[in-house]
Amino acid sequence: MQVYPHSIVCGSIAGFPAICKGMKMLKEKILQAIDKNSKLTPKDLAAMLNATEEEVAVAIKELEEASIICGYPTLINWDNAESEKVTALIEVKVTPQRGQGFDKIAERIYKFDEVESVYLMSGGFDLTVIIEGKSMREVANFVSSKLAPMEAVLSTATHFVLKKYKEHGLPLVHETKDERMLITP
């Protein structure tokens, strides 16, 4: 067995190797790096993180297998594309299901193709559902024909996104410069 600085086995619990501090730190640094740029290759990451390419590849594989890395989506500014899309945030009040809480109803909701994200919330409503559609009418049809009729749904409130300025930590608009002349007395 080959041992690398970041993957030293520190001991075991019930037959499973414990995650060493070095490997845990490497995985955290990998996650932070690819959170902003998922195009980074294991070779790029190895150079950035002072690790070997093999260590990085193993760490990424383990993160994927543990469902910590769940995919590699691309951030697209649809306002600049030739495609018209409408994004809506829907506040949903629900009745929790006996023995399953909010999980079962959230699962039913996130299985709809239109749904981009579902979050359990604190405050005045229970779930936030983010959907994308081709038009406001399509979003309204989703809410009235699929979401609102669900037996556990008590009420909904739909908010349409007018403009996105920043998403996933990245700005979607260019910074504007103040072109006014400075006047001093």
Protein backbone atom coordinates (compact mmCIF):
# COMPACT_ATOMS: atom_id res chain seq x y z
CA MET A 1 0.00 0.00 0.00
CA GLN A 2 1.33 3.37 -1.07
CA VAL A 3 1.11 6.13 1.54
CA TYR A 4 0.88 9.80 0.59
CA PRO A 5 1.29 12.77 2.91
CA HIS A 6 -2.43 13.67 2.76
CA SER A 7 -3.75 10.11 3.00
CA ILE A 8 -1.94 8.63 5.99
CA VAL A 9 -4.16 6.13 7.80
CA CYS A 10 -4.29 7.32 11.40
CA GLY A 11 -6.02 4.35 12.95
CA SER A 12 -9.28 2.57 12.51
CA ILE A 13 -12.70 2.39 14.07
CA ALA A 14 -14.75 -0.79 13.58
CA GLY A 15 -12.46 -1.84 10.73
CA PHE A 16 -12.75 1.44 8.79
CA PRO A 17 -9.71 3.70 8.46
CA ALA A 18 -10.12 7.06 10.15
CA ILE A 19 -9.88 10.16 8.00
CA CYS A 20 -6.60 11.87 8.78
CA LYS A 21 -6.37 15.55 9.35
CA GLY A 22 -4.20 15.95 6.24
CA MET A 23 -6.65 14.20 3.90
CA LYS A 24 -9.59 16.01 5.46
CA MET A 25 -7.84 19.35 4.89
CA LEU A 26 -7.01 18.40 1.29
CA LYS A 27 -10.64 17.48 0.62
CA GLU A 28 -11.84 20.77 2.12
CA LYS A 29 -9.40 22.75 -0.02
CA ILE A 30 -10.50 20.82 -3.13
CA LEU A 31 -14.15 21.58 -2.36
CA GLN A 32 -13.41 25.28 -1.86
CA ALA A 33 -11.50 25.43 -5.16
CA ILE A 34 -14.03 23.59 -7.34
CA ASP A 35 -16.96 25.39 -5.72
CA LYS A 36 -15.91 28.47 -7.70
CA ASN A 37 -14.41 26.72 -10.75
CA SER A 38 -15.46 23.15 -11.49
CA LYS A 39 -13.26 23.11 -14.62
CA LEU A 40 -10.11 22.69 -12.54
CA THR A 41 -8.41 19.41 -13.38
CA PRO A 42 -6.76 17.14 -10.80
CA LYS A 43 -3.44 18.34 -12.22
CA ASP A 44 -4.42 22.00 -11.63
CA LEU A 45 -5.68 21.23 -8.14
CA ALA A 46 -2.53 19.28 -7.27
CA ALA A 47 -0.37 22.26 -8.25
CA MET A 48 -2.56 24.69 -6.31
CA LEU A 49 -2.76 22.55 -3.18
CA ASN A 50 0.77 21.16 -3.01
CA ALA A 51 -0.42 17.57 -3.46
CA THR A 52 0.07 14.86 -6.04
CA GLU A 53 -2.34 14.42 -8.91
CA GLU A 54 -3.10 10.90 -7.66
CA GLU A 55 -3.95 12.17 -4.15
CA VAL A 56 -6.34 14.73 -5.64
CA ALA A 57 -7.97 12.14 -7.90
CA VAL A 58 -8.48 9.75 -4.97
CA ALA A 59 -9.89 12.54 -2.79
CA ILE A 60 -12.32 13.63 -5.53
CA LYS A 61 -13.45 10.05 -6.08
CA GLU A 62 -14.08 9.63 -2.35
CA LEU A 63 -16.01 12.92 -2.23
CA GLU A 64 -18.17 11.79 -5.16
CA GLU A 65 -18.81 8.36 -3.63
CA ALA A 66 -19.83 9.99 -0.33
CA SER A 67 -22.29 12.25 -2.23
CA ILE A 68 -20.43 15.34 -1.05
CA ILE A 69 -19.71 16.26 -4.66
CA CYS A 70 -23.09 15.75 -6.30
CA GLY A 71 -22.41 17.16 -9.76
CA TYR A 72 -20.59 19.82 -11.76
CA PRO A 73 -23.18 22.35 -12.97
CA THR A 74 -22.25 25.36 -15.08
CA LEU A 75 -23.33 28.85 -14.06
CA ILE A 76 -25.04 30.49 -17.05
CA ASN A 77 -26.19 34.10 -17.24
CA TRP A 78 -29.43 33.50 -19.15
CA ASP A 79 -30.00 37.26 -19.43
CA ASN A 80 -27.05 37.39 -21.85
CA ALA A 81 -28.09 34.28 -23.80
CA GLU A 82 -30.62 34.17 -26.62
CA SER A 83 -32.93 32.11 -24.40
CA GLU A 84 -35.81 33.57 -22.42
CA LYS A 85 -36.23 32.06 -18.96
CA VAL A 86 -38.27 33.04 -15.93
CA THR A 87 -37.06 32.18 -12.44
CA ALA A 88 -39.51 32.10 -9.56
CA LEU A 89 -39.10 31.65 -5.83
CA ILE A 90 -42.15 30.02 -4.28
CA GLU A 91 -42.83 30.13 -0.54
CA VAL A 92 -44.74 26.99 0.43
CA LYS A 93 -46.53 26.27 3.69
CA VAL A 94 -47.10 22.56 4.23
CA THR A 95 -48.41 20.11 6.78
CA PRO A 96 -45.52 17.88 7.91
CA GLN A 97 -46.14 14.18 7.26
CA ARG A 98 -46.46 11.93 10.29
CA GLY A 99 -43.21 10.10 10.96
CA GLN A 100 -41.43 11.77 8.02
CA GLY A 101 -41.69 15.48 8.77
CA PHE A 102 -41.01 17.70 5.77
CA ASP A 103 -38.76 15.22 3.93
CA LYS A 104 -41.46 13.29 2.07
CA ILE A 105 -43.26 16.37 0.76
CA ALA A 106 -39.93 18.01 -0.18
CA GLU A 107 -39.00 14.84 -2.08
CA ARG A 108 -42.29 14.87 -4.00
CA ILE A 109 -41.70 18.52 -4.93
CA TYR A 110 -38.04 18.21 -5.99
CA LYS A 111 -38.88 15.36 -8.37
CA PHE A 112 -40.73 17.75 -10.70
CA ASP A 113 -38.58 18.64 -13.72
CA GLU A 114 -39.35 22.35 -13.37
CA VAL A 115 -37.88 22.49 -9.86
CA GLU A 116 -34.30 23.71 -9.58
CA SER A 117 -33.98 23.79 -5.77
CA VAL A 118 -35.97 23.06 -2.62
CA TYR A 119 -34.98 24.35 0.82
CA LEU A 120 -36.47 23.76 4.28
CA MET A 121 -36.81 27.17 5.90
CA SER A 122 -37.36 28.73 9.29
CA GLY A 123 -39.82 31.58 9.64
CA GLY A 124 -43.21 32.26 8.12
CA PHE A 125 -43.22 29.40 5.60
CA ASP A 126 -41.78 25.90 5.43
CA LEU A 127 -40.21 25.34 2.02
CA THR A 128 -38.66 27.57 -0.62
CA VAL A 129 -39.03 26.13 -4.12
CA ILE A 130 -37.04 27.68 -6.95
CA ILE A 131 -38.24 26.88 -10.44
CA GLU A 132 -37.43 27.95 -13.98
CA GLY A 133 -39.90 28.19 -16.80
CA LYS A 134 -40.19 29.66 -20.29
CA SER A 135 -42.79 32.20 -19.20
CA MET A 136 -44.70 33.52 -16.20
CA ARG A 137 -47.70 31.56 -17.45
CA GLU A 138 -45.70 28.32 -17.38
CA VAL A 139 -44.65 29.00 -13.78
CA ALA A 140 -48.24 29.88 -12.83
CA ASN A 141 -49.48 26.64 -14.45
CA PHE A 142 -46.91 24.65 -12.46
CA VAL A 143 -48.03 26.23 -9.20
CA SER A 144 -51.76 25.89 -9.90
CA SER A 145 -51.76 22.41 -11.45
CA LYS A 146 -48.92 20.58 -9.72
CA LEU A 147 -47.78 22.30 -6.54
CA ALA A 148 -50.87 23.85 -4.93
CA PRO A 149 -53.13 20.76 -5.35
CA MET A 150 -50.77 18.54 -3.34
CA GLU A 151 -52.62 17.42 -0.21
CA ALA A 152 -49.90 18.54 2.22
CA VAL A 153 -49.59 22.04 0.68
CA LEU A 154 -51.52 24.63 2.68
CA SER A 155 -50.56 27.75 0.70
CA THR A 156 -48.05 29.20 -1.75
CA ALA A 157 -46.68 32.67 -2.53
CA THR A 158 -44.82 33.11 -5.82
CA HIS A 159 -42.13 35.75 -6.38
CA PHE A 160 -40.58 36.30 -9.82
CA VAL A 161 -36.90 37.17 -10.16
CA LEU A 162 -36.59 40.37 -12.18
CA LYS A 163 -32.81 40.46 -12.52
CA LYS A 164 -29.93 38.39 -11.16
CA TYR A 165 -26.88 40.28 -9.97
CA LYS A 166 -24.90 37.51 -8.31
CA GLU A 167 -25.35 33.76 -8.21
CA HIS A 168 -23.32 30.99 -6.60
CA GLY A 169 -20.89 33.62 -5.32
CA LEU A 170 -20.15 34.99 -8.79
CA PRO A 171 -21.29 38.37 -10.16
CA LEU A 172 -23.47 38.19 -13.28
CA VAL A 173 -23.22 41.88 -14.14
CA HIS A 174 -20.25 44.09 -14.86
CA GLU A 175 -19.35 46.65 -12.26
CA THR A 176 -20.39 50.11 -13.37
CA LYS A 177 -17.99 52.98 -12.95
CA ASP A 178 -19.20 56.27 -11.58
CA GLU A 179 -18.64 58.68 -14.47
CA ARG A 180 -19.82 61.77 -12.65
CA MET A 181 -17.31 64.57 -12.32
CA LEU A 182 -15.97 65.25 -8.87
CA ILE A 183 -16.81 68.76 -7.79
CA THR A 184 -15.20 70.20 -4.71
CA PRO A 185 -15.84 73.67 -3.23
